[in-house]
PDB file of N, CA and C in Angstrom:
ATOM      1  N   MET A   1       0.819  -1.193   0.000  1.00  0.00           N
ATOM      2  CA  MET A   1       0.000   0.000   0.000  1.00  0.00           C
ATOM      3  C   MET A   1       0.864   1.259   0.000  1.00  0.00           C
ATOM      4  N   PHE A   2       1.971   1.188   0.753  1.00  0.00           N
ATOM      5  CA  PHE A   2       2.857   2.337   0.851  1.00  0.00           C
ATOM      6  C   PHE A   2       3.449   2.675  -0.515  1.00  0.00           C
ATOM      7  N   HIS A   3       3.850   1.648  -1.261  1.00  0.00           N
ATOM      8  CA  HIS A   3       4.463   1.887  -2.566  1.00  0.00           C
ATOM      9  C   HIS A   3       3.447   2.437  -3.573  1.00  0.00           C
ATOM     10  N   SER A   4       2.230   1.956  -3.507  1.00  0.00           N
ATOM     11  CA  SER A   4       1.212   2.489  -4.417  1.00  0.00           C
ATOM     12  C   SER A   4       0.878   3.943  -4.085  1.00  0.00           C
ATOM     13  N   LEU A   5       0.877   4.302  -2.794  1.00  0.00           N
ATOM     14  CA  LEU A   5       0.660   5.696  -2.416  1.00  0.00           C
ATOM     15  C   LEU A   5       1.828   6.584  -2.846  1.00  0.00           C
ATOM     16  N   MET A   6       3.036   6.041  -2.816  1.00  0.00           N
ATOM     17  CA  MET A   6       4.194   6.804  -3.280  1.00  0.00           C
ATOM     18  C   MET A   6       4.113   7.065  -4.786  1.00  0.00           C
ATOM     19  N   ILE A   7       3.700   6.065  -5.545  1.00  0.00           N
ATOM     20  CA  ILE A   7       3.539   6.242  -6.991  1.00  0.00           C
ATOM     21  C   ILE A   7       2.432   7.263  -7.268  1.00  0.00           C
ATOM     22  N   PHE A   8       1.325   7.168  -6.520  1.00  0.00           N
ATOM     23  CA  PHE A   8       0.231   8.132  -6.648  1.00  0.00           C
ATOM     24  C   PHE A   8       0.715   9.542  -6.322  1.00  0.00           C
ATOM     25  N   HIS A   9       1.581   9.662  -5.329  1.00  0.00           N
ATOM     26  CA  HIS A   9       2.136  10.949  -4.920  1.00  0.00           C
ATOM     27  C   HIS A   9       3.017  11.545  -6.027  1.00  0.00           C
ATOM     28  N   ILE A  10       3.798  10.710  -6.667  1.00  0.00           N
ATOM     29  CA  ILE A  10       4.655  11.171  -7.765  1.00  0.00           C
ATOM     30  C   ILE A  10       3.808  11.653  -8.940  1.00  0.00           C
ATOM     31  N   VAL A  11       2.750  10.900  -9.255  1.00  0.00           N
ATOM     32  CA  VAL A  11       1.868  11.290 -10.363  1.00  0.00           C
ATOM     33  C   VAL A  11       1.187  12.617 -10.055  1.00  0.00           C
ATOM     34  N   ILE A  12       0.702  12.775  -8.829  1.00  0.00           N
ATOM     35  CA  ILE A  12       0.070  14.043  -8.432  1.00  0.00           C
ATOM     36  C   ILE A  12       1.074  15.188  -8.523  1.00  0.00           C
ATOM     37  N   SER A  13       2.302  14.941  -8.100  1.00  0.00           N
ATOM     38  CA  SER A  13       3.331  15.986  -8.135  1.00  0.00           C
ATOM     39  C   SER A  13       3.606  16.446  -9.558  1.00  0.00           C
ATOM     40  N   VAL A  14       3.768  15.498 -10.467  1.00  0.00           N
ATOM     41  CA  VAL A  14       4.063  15.852 -11.853  1.00  0.00           C
ATOM     42  C   VAL A  14       2.879  16.604 -12.472  1.00  0.00           C
ATOM     43  N   LEU A  15       1.660  16.113 -12.241  1.00  0.00           N
ATOM     44  CA  LEU A  15       0.483  16.791 -12.782  1.00  0.00           C
ATOM     45  C   LEU A  15       0.328  18.202 -12.218  1.00  0.00           C
ATOM     46  N   LEU A  16       0.613  18.351 -10.945  1.00  0.00           N
ATOM     47  CA  LEU A  16       0.512  19.664 -10.312  1.00  0.00           C
ATOM     48  C   LEU A  16       1.530  20.640 -10.902  1.00  0.00           C
ATOM     49  N   ILE A  17       2.736  20.173 -11.132  1.00  0.00           N
ATOM     50  CA  ILE A  17       3.769  21.023 -11.736  1.00  0.00           C
ATOM     51  C   ILE A  17       3.356  21.441 -13.145  1.00  0.00           C
ATOM     52  N   VAL A  18       2.869  20.488 -13.938  1.00  0.00           N
ATOM     53  CA  VAL A  18       2.463  20.791 -15.310  1.00  0.00           C
ATOM     54  C   VAL A  18       1.298  21.778 -15.333  1.00  0.00           C
ATOM     55  N   LEU A  19       0.318  21.581 -14.462  1.00  0.00           N
ATOM     56  CA  LEU A  19      -0.837  22.481 -14.450  1.00  0.00           C
ATOM     57  C   LEU A  19      -0.472  23.892 -14.013  1.00  0.00           C
ATOM     58  N   VAL A  20       0.436  24.005 -13.062  1.00  0.00           N
ATOM     59  CA  VAL A  20       0.854  25.343 -12.633  1.00  0.00           C
ATOM     60  C   VAL A  20       1.606  26.040 -13.762  1.00  0.00           C
ATOM     61  N   LEU A  21       2.417  25.296 -14.503  1.00  0.00           N
ATOM     62  CA  LEU A  21       3.151  25.908 -15.604  1.00  0.00           C
ATOM     63  C   LEU A  21       2.250  26.260 -16.784  1.00  0.00           C
ATOM     64  N   LEU A  22       1.132  25.573 -16.943  1.00  0.00           N
ATOM     65  CA  LEU A  22       0.215  25.852 -18.041  1.00  0.00           C
ATOM     66  C   LEU A  22      -0.662  27.075 -17.797  1.00  0.00           C
ATOM     67  N   GLN A  23      -0.810  27.451 -16.542  1.00  0.00           N
ATOM     68  CA  GLN A  23      -1.712  28.556 -16.229  1.00  0.00           C
ATOM     69  C   GLN A  23      -1.134  29.878 -16.708  1.00  0.00           C
ATOM     70  N   PHE A  24      -2.028  30.786 -17.081  1.00  0.00           N
ATOM     71  CA  PHE A  24      -1.635  32.102 -17.544  1.00  0.00           C
ATOM     72  C   PHE A  24      -1.400  33.026 -16.371  1.00  0.00           C
ATOM     73  N   GLY A  25      -0.533  33.984 -16.580  1.00  0.00           N
ATOM     74  CA  GLY A  25      -0.352  35.044 -15.607  1.00  0.00           C
ATOM     75  C   GLY A  25      -1.426  36.104 -15.792  1.00  0.00           C
ATOM     76  N   LYS A  26      -1.395  37.129 -14.974  1.00  0.00           N
ATOM     77  CA  LYS A  26      -2.402  38.185 -15.058  1.00  0.00           C
ATOM     78  C   LYS A  26      -2.293  38.962 -16.374  1.00  0.00           C
ATOM     79  N   GLY A  27      -1.087  39.195 -16.882  1.00  0.00           N
ATOM     80  CA  GLY A  27      -0.913  39.977 -18.095  1.00  0.00           C
ATOM     81  C   GLY A  27      -1.046  39.158 -19.363  1.00  0.00           C
ATOM     82  N   ALA A  28      -0.994  37.840 -19.275  1.00  0.00           N
ATOM     83  CA  ALA A  28      -1.040  37.002 -20.473  1.00  0.00           C
ATOM     84  C   ALA A  28      -2.444  36.928 -21.056  1.00  0.00           C
ATOM     85  N   GLU A  29      -3.468  37.182 -20.261  1.00  0.00           N
ATOM     86  CA  GLU A  29      -4.844  37.093 -20.752  1.00  0.00           C
ATOM     87  C   GLU A  29      -5.166  38.207 -21.730  1.00  0.00           C
ATOM     88  N   ALA A  30      -4.569  39.355 -21.610  1.00  0.00           N
ATOM     89  CA  ALA A  30      -4.862  40.478 -22.502  1.00  0.00           C
ATOM     90  C   ALA A  30      -4.399  40.175 -23.918  1.00  0.00           C
ATOM     91  N   GLY A  31      -3.270  39.503 -24.063  1.00  0.00           N
ATOM     92  CA  GLY A  31      -2.774  39.156 -25.385  1.00  0.00           C
ATOM     93  C   GLY A  31      -3.637  38.115 -26.058  1.00  0.00           C
ATOM     94  N   LEU A  32      -4.195  37.208 -25.304  1.00  0.00           N
ATOM     95  CA  LEU A  32      -5.041  36.160 -25.865  1.00  0.00           C
ATOM     96  C   LEU A  32      -6.389  36.730 -26.302  1.00  0.00           C
ATOM     97  N   MET A  33      -6.910  37.682 -25.573  1.00  0.00           N
ATOM     98  CA  MET A  33      -8.210  38.244 -25.893  1.00  0.00           C
ATOM     99  C   MET A  33      -8.155  39.171 -27.112  1.00  0.00           C
ATOM    100  N   SER A  34      -7.001  39.723 -27.414  1.00  0.00           N
ATOM    101  CA  SER A  34      -6.914  40.662 -28.529  1.00  0.00           C
ATOM    102  C   SER A  34      -6.727  39.958 -29.862  1.00  0.00           C
ATOM    103  N   GLY A  35      -6.844  38.660 -29.902  1.00  0.00           N
ATOM    104  CA  GLY A  35      -6.733  37.932 -31.155  1.00  0.00           C
ATOM    105  C   GLY A  35      -5.318  37.503 -31.453  1.00  0.00           C
ATOM    106  N   GLY A  36      -4.504  37.382 -30.453  1.00  0.00           N
ATOM    107  CA  GLY A  36      -3.116  36.992 -30.641  1.00  0.00           C
ATOM    108  C   GLY A  36      -2.937  35.504 -30.790  1.00  0.00           C
ATOM    109  N   GLY A  37      -3.893  34.794 -31.289  1.00  0.00           N
ATOM    110  CA  GLY A  37      -3.774  33.351 -31.471  1.00  0.00           C
ATOM    111  C   GLY A  37      -4.846  32.633 -30.707  1.00  0.00           C
ATOM    112  N   GLY A  38      -5.114  31.411 -31.076  1.00  0.00           N
ATOM    113  CA  GLY A  38      -6.110  30.614 -30.379  1.00  0.00           C
ATOM    114  C   GLY A  38      -7.524  31.052 -30.671  1.00  0.00           C
ATOM    115  N   GLY A  39      -7.810  31.585 -31.830  1.00  0.00           N
ATOM    116  CA  GLY A  39      -9.145  32.069 -32.153  1.00  0.00           C
ATOM    117  C   GLY A  39     -10.162  30.954 -32.293  1.00  0.00           C
ATOM    118  N   ASP A  40      -9.722  29.764 -32.692  1.00  0.00           N
ATOM    119  CA  ASP A  40     -10.651  28.656 -32.876  1.00  0.00           C
ATOM    120  C   ASP A  40     -10.541  27.633 -31.748  1.00  0.00           C
ATOM    121  N   SER A  41     -10.013  28.045 -30.610  1.00  0.00           N
ATOM    122  CA  SER A  41      -9.873  27.104 -29.495  1.00  0.00           C
ATOM    123  C   SER A  41     -11.236  26.842 -28.857  1.00  0.00           C
ATOM    124  N   THR A  42     -11.328  25.727 -28.155  1.00  0.00           N
ATOM    125  CA  THR A  42     -12.607  25.357 -27.556  1.00  0.00           C
ATOM    126  C   THR A  42     -12.890  26.150 -26.291  1.00  0.00           C
ATOM    127  N   PHE A  43     -11.850  26.581 -25.596  1.00  0.00           N
ATOM    128  CA  PHE A  43     -12.037  27.361 -24.377  1.00  0.00           C
ATOM    129  C   PHE A  43     -11.523  28.762 -24.594  1.00  0.00           C
ATOM    130  N   THR A  44     -12.225  29.715 -24.067  1.00  0.00           N
ATOM    131  CA  THR A  44     -11.694  31.078 -24.069  1.00  0.00           C
ATOM    132  C   THR A  44     -10.690  31.196 -22.941  1.00  0.00           C
ATOM    133  N   GLY A  45     -10.016  32.330 -22.864  1.00  0.00           N
ATOM    134  CA  GLY A  45      -8.976  32.500 -21.846  1.00  0.00           C
ATOM    135  C   GLY A  45      -9.510  32.397 -20.432  1.00  0.00           C
ATOM    136  N   SER A  46     -10.685  32.957 -20.187  1.00  0.00           N
ATOM    137  CA  SER A  46     -11.216  32.937 -18.823  1.00  0.00           C
ATOM    138  C   SER A  46     -11.725  31.554 -18.445  1.00  0.00           C
ATOM    139  N   GLN A  47     -12.317  30.834 -19.416  1.00  0.00           N
ATOM    140  CA  GLN A  47     -12.812  29.483 -19.104  1.00  0.00           C
ATOM    141  C   GLN A  47     -11.656  28.533 -18.857  1.00  0.00           C
ATOM    142  N   GLN A  48     -10.595  28.657 -19.668  1.00  0.00           N
ATOM    143  CA  GLN A  48      -9.458  27.770 -19.493  1.00  0.00           C
ATOM    144  C   GLN A  48      -8.785  28.024 -18.151  1.00  0.00           C
ATOM    145  N   GLY A  49      -8.640  29.283 -17.764  1.00  0.00           N
ATOM    146  CA  GLY A  49      -8.049  29.615 -16.476  1.00  0.00           C
ATOM    147  C   GLY A  49      -8.899  29.118 -15.322  1.00  0.00           C
ATOM    148  N   ASN A  50     -10.206  29.174 -15.481  1.00  0.00           N
ATOM    149  CA  ASN A  50     -11.106  28.720 -14.435  1.00  0.00           C
ATOM    150  C   ASN A  50     -11.001  27.206 -14.245  1.00  0.00           C
ATOM    151  N   ILE A  51     -10.979  26.473 -15.354  1.00  0.00           N
ATOM    152  CA  ILE A  51     -10.881  25.006 -15.270  1.00  0.00           C
ATOM    153  C   ILE A  51      -9.522  24.592 -14.712  1.00  0.00           C
ATOM    154  N   LEU A  52      -8.449  25.207 -15.208  1.00  0.00           N
ATOM    155  CA  LEU A  52      -7.110  24.876 -14.702  1.00  0.00           C
ATOM    156  C   LEU A  52      -6.968  25.222 -13.226  1.00  0.00           C
ATOM    157  N   GLY A  53      -7.589  26.304 -12.807  1.00  0.00           N
ATOM    158  CA  GLY A  53      -7.536  26.683 -11.395  1.00  0.00           C
ATOM    159  C   GLY A  53      -8.249  25.677 -10.505  1.00  0.00           C
ATOM    160  N   LYS A  54      -9.407  25.196 -10.969  1.00  0.00           N
ATOM    161  CA  LYS A  54     -10.144  24.203 -10.176  1.00  0.00           C
ATOM    162  C   LYS A  54      -9.391  22.881 -10.098  1.00  0.00           C
ATOM    163  N   ILE A  55      -8.829  22.442 -11.228  1.00  0.00           N
ATOM    164  CA  ILE A  55      -8.078  21.184 -11.232  1.00  0.00           C
ATOM    165  C   ILE A  55      -6.827  21.315 -10.365  1.00  0.00           C
ATOM    166  N   THR A  56      -6.174  22.470 -10.419  1.00  0.00           N
ATOM    167  CA  THR A  56      -4.988  22.697  -9.583  1.00  0.00           C
ATOM    168  C   THR A  56      -5.348  22.656  -8.108  1.00  0.00           C
ATOM    169  N   THR A  57      -6.484  23.231  -7.747  1.00  0.00           N
ATOM    170  CA  THR A  57      -6.922  23.210  -6.348  1.00  0.00           C
ATOM    171  C   THR A  57      -7.195  21.782  -5.888  1.00  0.00           C
ATOM    172  N   ILE A  58      -7.857  21.007  -6.728  1.00  0.00           N
ATOM    173  CA  ILE A  58      -8.158  19.611  -6.374  1.00  0.00           C
ATOM    174  C   ILE A  58      -6.867  18.806  -6.216  1.00  0.00           C
ATOM    175  N   LEU A  59      -5.934  18.992  -7.156  1.00  0.00           N
ATOM    176  CA  LEU A  59      -4.655  18.269  -7.060  1.00  0.00           C
ATOM    177  C   LEU A  59      -3.851  18.711  -5.846  1.00  0.00           C
ATOM    178  N   ALA A  60      -3.916  19.986  -5.498  1.00  0.00           N
ATOM    179  CA  ALA A  60      -3.188  20.465  -4.324  1.00  0.00           C
ATOM    180  C   ALA A  60      -3.750  19.849  -3.040  1.00  0.00           C
ATOM    181  N   VAL A  61      -5.080  19.733  -2.955  1.00  0.00           N
ATOM    182  CA  VAL A  61      -5.698  19.110  -1.779  1.00  0.00           C
ATOM    183  C   VAL A  61      -5.325  17.624  -1.717  1.00  0.00           C
ATOM    184  N   LEU A  62      -5.358  16.939  -2.869  1.00  0.00           N
ATOM    185  CA  LEU A  62      -4.949  15.536  -2.903  1.00  0.00           C
ATOM    186  C   LEU A  62      -3.481  15.372  -2.507  1.00  0.00           C
ATOM    187  N   PHE A  63      -2.628  16.273  -2.984  1.00  0.00           N
ATOM    188  CA  PHE A  63      -1.206  16.231  -2.638  1.00  0.00           C
ATOM    189  C   PHE A  63      -0.991  16.397  -1.143  1.00  0.00           C
ATOM    190  N   LEU A  64      -1.683  17.349  -0.552  1.00  0.00           N
ATOM    191  CA  LEU A  64      -1.549  17.599   0.882  1.00  0.00           C
ATOM    192  C   LEU A  64      -2.067  16.420   1.696  1.00  0.00           C
ATOM    193  N   GLY A  65      -3.242  15.907   1.326  1.00  0.00           N
ATOM    194  CA  GLY A  65      -3.795  14.758   2.045  1.00  0.00           C
ATOM    195  C   GLY A  65      -2.924  13.522   1.919  1.00  0.00           C
ATOM    196  N   ASN A  66      -2.401  13.285   0.727  1.00  0.00           N
ATOM    197  CA  ASN A  66      -1.531  12.133   0.524  1.00  0.00           C
ATOM    198  C   ASN A  66      -0.219  12.284   1.290  1.00  0.00           C
ATOM    199  N   SER A  67       0.295  13.504   1.377  1.00  0.00           N
ATOM    200  CA  SER A  67       1.523  13.752   2.148  1.00  0.00           C
ATOM    201  C   SER A  67       1.318  13.428   3.627  1.00  0.00           C
ATOM    202  N   ILE A  68       0.182  13.859   4.162  1.00  0.00           N
ATOM    203  CA  ILE A  68      -0.110  13.583   5.573  1.00  0.00           C
ATOM    204  C   ILE A  68      -0.290  12.085   5.798  1.00  0.00           C
ATOM    205  N   LEU A  69      -0.984  11.417   4.888  1.00  0.00           N
ATOM    206  CA  LEU A  69      -1.191   9.974   5.005  1.00  0.00           C
ATOM    207  C   LEU A  69       0.128   9.217   4.926  1.00  0.00           C
ATOM    208  N   LEU A  70       1.003   9.595   4.011  1.00  0.00           N
ATOM    209  CA  LEU A  70       2.310   8.948   3.904  1.00  0.00           C
ATOM    210  C   LEU A  70       3.159   9.181   5.152  1.00  0.00           C
ATOM    211  N   ALA A  71       3.079  10.367   5.721  1.00  0.00           N
ATOM    212  CA  ALA A  71       3.834  10.657   6.949  1.00  0.00           C
ATOM    213  C   ALA A  71       3.325   9.814   8.114  1.00  0.00           C
ATOM    214  N   LYS A  72       2.007   9.638   8.206  1.00  0.00           N
ATOM    215  CA  LYS A  72       1.447   8.814   9.284  1.00  0.00           C
ATOM    216  C   LYS A  72       1.846   7.350   9.124  1.00  0.00           C
ATOM    217  N   ILE A  73       1.798   6.852   7.892  1.00  0.00           N
ATOM    218  CA  ILE A  73       2.181   5.455   7.653  1.00  0.00           C
ATOM    219  C   ILE A  73       3.654   5.253   7.975  1.00  0.00           C
ATOM    220  N   GLN A  74       4.502   6.187   7.580  1.00  0.00           N
ATOM    221  CA  GLN A  74       5.931   6.054   7.831  1.00  0.00           C
ATOM    222  C   GLN A  74       6.245   6.141   9.322  1.00  0.00           C
ATOM    223  N   SER A  75       5.509   6.968  10.058  1.00  0.00           N
ATOM    224  CA  SER A  75       5.795   7.102  11.490  1.00  0.00           C
ATOM    225  C   SER A  75       5.384   5.852  12.269  1.00  0.00           C
ATOM    226  N   THR A  76       4.389   5.127  11.798  1.00  0.00           N
ATOM    227  CA  THR A  76       3.992   3.901  12.492  1.00  0.00           C
ATOM    228  C   THR A  76       4.925   2.743  12.158  1.00  0.00           C
ATOM    229  N   LYS A  77       5.636   2.817  11.043  1.00  0.00           N
ATOM    230  CA  LYS A  77       6.562   1.748  10.674  1.00  0.00           C
ATOM    231  C   LYS A  77       7.766   1.701  11.603  1.00  0.00           C
ATOM    232  N   SER A  78       8.320   2.834  11.937  1.00  0.00           N
ATOM    233  CA  SER A  78       9.514   2.860  12.781  1.00  0.00           C
ATOM    234  C   SER A  78       9.192   3.564  14.092  1.00  0.00           C
ATOM    235  N   SER A  79       9.602   2.937  15.179  1.00  0.00           N
ATOM    236  CA  SER A  79       9.334   3.529  16.490  1.00  0.00           C
ATOM    237  C   SER A  79      10.570   4.178  17.089  1.00  0.00           C
ATOM    238  N   SER A  80      11.710   4.054  16.423  1.00  0.00           N
ATOM    239  CA  SER A  80      12.930   4.654  16.958  1.00  0.00           C
ATOM    240  C   SER A  80      13.524   5.604  15.923  1.00  0.00           C
ATOM    241  N   SER A  81      14.368   6.466  16.402  1.00  0.00           N
ATOM    242  CA  SER A  81      15.021   7.440  15.547  1.00  0.00           C
ATOM    243  C   SER A  81      16.493   7.082  15.407  1.00  0.00           C
ATOM    244  N   LEU A  82      17.133   7.605  14.394  1.00  0.00           N
ATOM    245  CA  LEU A  82      18.561   7.379  14.217  1.00  0.00           C
ATOM    246  C   LEU A  82      19.378   8.065  15.300  1.00  0.00           C
ATOM    247  N   LEU A  83      18.844   9.119  15.875  1.00  0.00           N
ATOM    248  CA  LEU A  83      19.578   9.903  16.860  1.00  0.00           C
ATOM    249  C   LEU A  83      19.259   9.516  18.299  1.00  0.00           C
ATOM    250  N   ASP A  84      18.534   8.427  18.524  1.00  0.00           N
ATOM    251  CA  ASP A  84      18.195   8.029  19.892  1.00  0.00           C
ATOM    252  C   ASP A  84      19.426   7.640  20.708  1.00  0.00           C
ATOM    253  N   GLY A  85      20.424   7.037  20.100  1.00  0.00           N
ATOM    254  CA  GLY A  85      21.610   6.589  20.818  1.00  0.00           C
ATOM    255  C   GLY A  85      22.677   7.646  20.988  1.00  0.00           C
ATOM    256  N   GLU A  86      22.498   8.793  20.406  1.00  0.00           N
ATOM    257  CA  GLU A  86      23.506   9.844  20.473  1.00  0.00           C
ATOM    258  C   GLU A  86      23.344  10.672  21.740  1.00  0.00           C
ATOM    259  N   ALA A  87      24.489  11.024  22.326  1.00  0.00           N
ATOM    260  CA  ALA A  87      24.481  11.873  23.514  1.00  0.00           C
ATOM    261  C   ALA A  87      24.477  13.334  23.072  1.00  0.00           C
ATOM    262  N   PRO A  88      23.728  14.183  23.752  1.00  0.00           N
ATOM    263  CA  PRO A  88      23.736  15.601  23.375  1.00  0.00           C
ATOM    264  C   PRO A  88      25.074  16.247  23.698  1.00  0.00           C
ATOM    265  N   ILE A  89      25.492  17.155  22.870  1.00  0.00           N
ATOM    266  CA  ILE A  89      26.764  17.856  23.053  1.00  0.00           C
ATOM    267  C   ILE A  89      26.453  19.270  23.512  1.00  0.00           C
ATOM    268  N   ALA A  90      27.028  19.640  24.673  1.00  0.00           N
ATOM    269  CA  ALA A  90      26.825  20.982  25.200  1.00  0.00           C
ATOM    270  C   ALA A  90      27.886  21.898  24.609  1.00  0.00           C
ATOM    271  N   ALA A  91      27.465  22.913  23.931  1.00  0.00           N
ATOM    272  CA  ALA A  91      28.387  23.866  23.317  1.00  0.00           C
ATOM    273  C   ALA A  91      28.202  25.231  23.942  1.00  0.00           C
ATOM    274  N   PRO A  92      29.289  25.994  24.073  1.00  0.00           N
ATOM    275  CA  PRO A  92      29.145  27.346  24.632  1.00  0.00           C
ATOM    276  C   PRO A  92      28.359  28.235  23.679  1.00  0.00           C
ATOM    277  N   LEU A  93      27.720  29.233  24.253  1.00  0.00           N
ATOM    278  CA  LEU A  93      26.876  30.111  23.460  1.00  0.00           C
ATOM    279  C   LEU A  93      27.654  31.207  22.742  1.00  0.00           C
ATOM    280  N   ASN A  94      28.857  31.520  23.215  1.00  0.00           N
ATOM    281  CA  ASN A  94      29.639  32.561  22.552  1.00  0.00           C
ATOM    282  C   ASN A  94      31.081  32.096  22.369  1.00  0.00           C
ATOM    283  N   ASN A  95      31.835  32.819  21.592  1.00  0.00           N
ATOM    284  CA  ASN A  95      33.214  32.431  21.296  1.00  0.00           C
ATOM    285  C   ASN A  95      34.170  32.728  22.442  1.00  0.00           C
ATOM    286  N   ASP A  96      33.822  33.640  23.349  1.00  0.00           N
ATOM    287  CA  ASP A  96      34.703  33.981  24.460  1.00  0.00           C
ATOM    288  C   ASP A  96      34.874  32.808  25.412  1.00  0.00           C
ATOM    289  N   ALA A  97      33.884  31.990  25.541  1.00  0.00           N
ATOM    290  CA  ALA A  97      33.968  30.865  26.466  1.00  0.00           C
ATOM    291  C   ALA A  97      34.899  29.782  25.943  1.00  0.00           C
ATOM    292  N   MET A  98      35.197  29.800  24.665  1.00  0.00           N
ATOM    293  CA  MET A  98      36.052  28.768  24.092  1.00  0.00           C
ATOM    294  C   MET A  98      37.537  29.077  24.269  1.00  0.00           C
ATOM    295  N   ILE A  99      37.923  30.321  24.580  1.00  0.00           N
ATOM    296  CA  ILE A  99      39.328  30.694  24.755  1.00  0.00           C
ATOM    297  C   ILE A  99      39.762  30.309  26.170  1.00  0.00           C
ATOM    298  N   PRO A 100      40.804  29.500  26.290  1.00  0.00           N
ATOM    299  CA  PRO A 100      41.278  29.137  27.639  1.00  0.00           C
ATOM    300  C   PRO A 100      41.846  30.351  28.372  1.00  0.00           C
ATOM    301  N   LYS A 101      41.828  30.289  29.682  1.00  0.00           N
ATOM    302  CA  LYS A 101      42.293  31.410  30.515  1.00  0.00           C
ATOM    303  C   LYS A 101      43.794  31.646  30.350  1.00  0.00           C
ATOM    304  N   THR A 102      44.570  30.648  29.961  1.00  0.00           N
ATOM    305  CA  THR A 102      46.024  30.813  29.837  1.00  0.00           C
ATOM    306  C   THR A 102      46.404  31.600  28.601  1.00  0.00           C
ATOM    307  N   GLN A 103      45.510  31.762  27.653  1.00  0.00           N
ATOM    308  CA  GLN A 103      45.821  32.473  26.420  1.00  0.00           C
ATOM    309  C   GLN A 103      45.264  33.892  26.431  1.00  0.00           C
ATOM    310  N   GLU A 104      45.253  34.509  27.571  1.00  0.00           N
ATOM    311  CA  GLU A 104      44.751  35.868  27.647  1.00  0.00           C
ATOM    312  C   GLU A 104      45.659  36.784  26.847  1.00  0.00           C
ATOM    313  N   THR A 105      45.120  37.864  26.393  1.00  0.00           N
ATOM    314  CA  THR A 105      45.892  38.765  25.545  1.00  0.00           C
ATOM    315  C   THR A 105      46.984  39.446  26.356  1.00  0.00           C
ATOM    316  N   LYS A 106      48.183  39.427  25.802  1.00  0.00           N
ATOM    317  CA  LYS A 106      49.332  40.065  26.440  1.00  0.00           C
ATOM    318  C   LYS A 106      49.751  41.246  25.583  1.00  0.00           C
ATOM    319  N   ALA A 107      50.369  42.233  26.216  1.00  0.00           N
ATOM    320  CA  ALA A 107      50.867  43.391  25.479  1.00  0.00           C
ATOM    321  C   ALA A 107      52.075  42.954  24.665  1.00  0.00           C
ATOM    322  N   PRO A 108      52.159  43.352  23.412  1.00  0.00           N
ATOM    323  CA  PRO A 108      53.314  42.943  22.596  1.00  0.00           C
ATOM    324  C   PRO A 108      54.585  43.605  23.105  1.00  0.00           C
ATOM    325  N   GLU A 109      55.675  42.852  23.071  1.00  0.00           N
ATOM    326  CA  GLU A 109      56.951  43.382  23.530  1.00  0.00           C
ATOM    327  C   GLU A 109      57.555  44.265  22.447  1.00  0.00           C
ATOM    328  N   ALA A 110      58.149  45.349  22.885  1.00  0.00           N
ATOM    329  CA  ALA A 110      58.758  46.279  21.928  1.00  0.00           C
ATOM    330  C   ALA A 110      60.091  45.716  21.472  1.00  0.00           C
ATOM    331  N   THR A 111      60.360  45.767  20.195  1.00  0.00           N
ATOM    332  CA  THR A 111      61.611  45.240  19.658  1.00  0.00           C
ATOM    333  C   THR A 111      62.445  46.313  18.988  1.00  0.00           C
ATOM    334  N   THR A 112      62.098  47.553  19.221  1.00  0.00           N
ATOM    335  CA  THR A 112      62.865  48.617  18.609  1.00  0.00           C
ATOM    336  C   THR A 112      64.151  48.855  19.398  1.00  0.00           C
ATOM    337  N   GLU A 113      65.046  49.638  18.858  1.00  0.00           N
ATOM    338  CA  GLU A 113      66.339  49.880  19.498  1.00  0.00           C
ATOM    339  C   GLU A 113      66.170  50.690  20.783  1.00  0.00           C
ATOM    340  N   GLU A 114      65.156  51.507  20.869  1.00  0.00           N
ATOM    341  CA  GLU A 114      64.955  52.314  22.062  1.00  0.00           C
ATOM    342  C   GLU A 114      64.587  51.457  23.251  1.00  0.00           C
ATOM    343  N   SER A 115      63.843  50.400  23.014  1.00  0.00           N
ATOM    344  CA  SER A 115      63.451  49.562  24.141  1.00  0.00           C
ATOM    345  C   SER A 115      64.594  48.699  24.623  1.00  0.00           C
ATOM    346  N   LYS A 116      65.604  48.451  23.789  1.00  0.00           N
ATOM    347  CA  LYS A 116      66.742  47.638  24.204  1.00  0.00           C
ATOM    348  C   LYS A 116      67.683  48.441  25.086  1.00  0.00           C
ATOM    349  N   LYS A 117      67.677  49.754  25.017  1.00  0.00           N
ATOM    350  CA  LYS A 117      68.604  50.574  25.789  1.00  0.00           C
ATOM    351  C   LYS A 117      68.148  50.748  27.185  1.00  0.00           C
TER     352      LYS A 117
END
């Protein structure tokens, strides 16, 4: 059942991507209405956008529902996590805590001829 739902999920994903790419933008409808092609098409620009929008909404709901169902099935399959055996590592919150006390900043020694005298 899990594998068939995964295949169904892939099909929904591909169809959703194709439908989103087929939809017109807000400015693309003006060019279609002015006779810029598609004069003998079965759907006008507004009808095609309406149908594609409804199908996209249905596919999006199916995608979301299938995602939740797949997550629930996967969570019941495994009861442990990969990180259950790992010990937490406590790290300091700032970089100052990482500098040891022995490496405190010292004033640089003068190496000029005046300091040697």
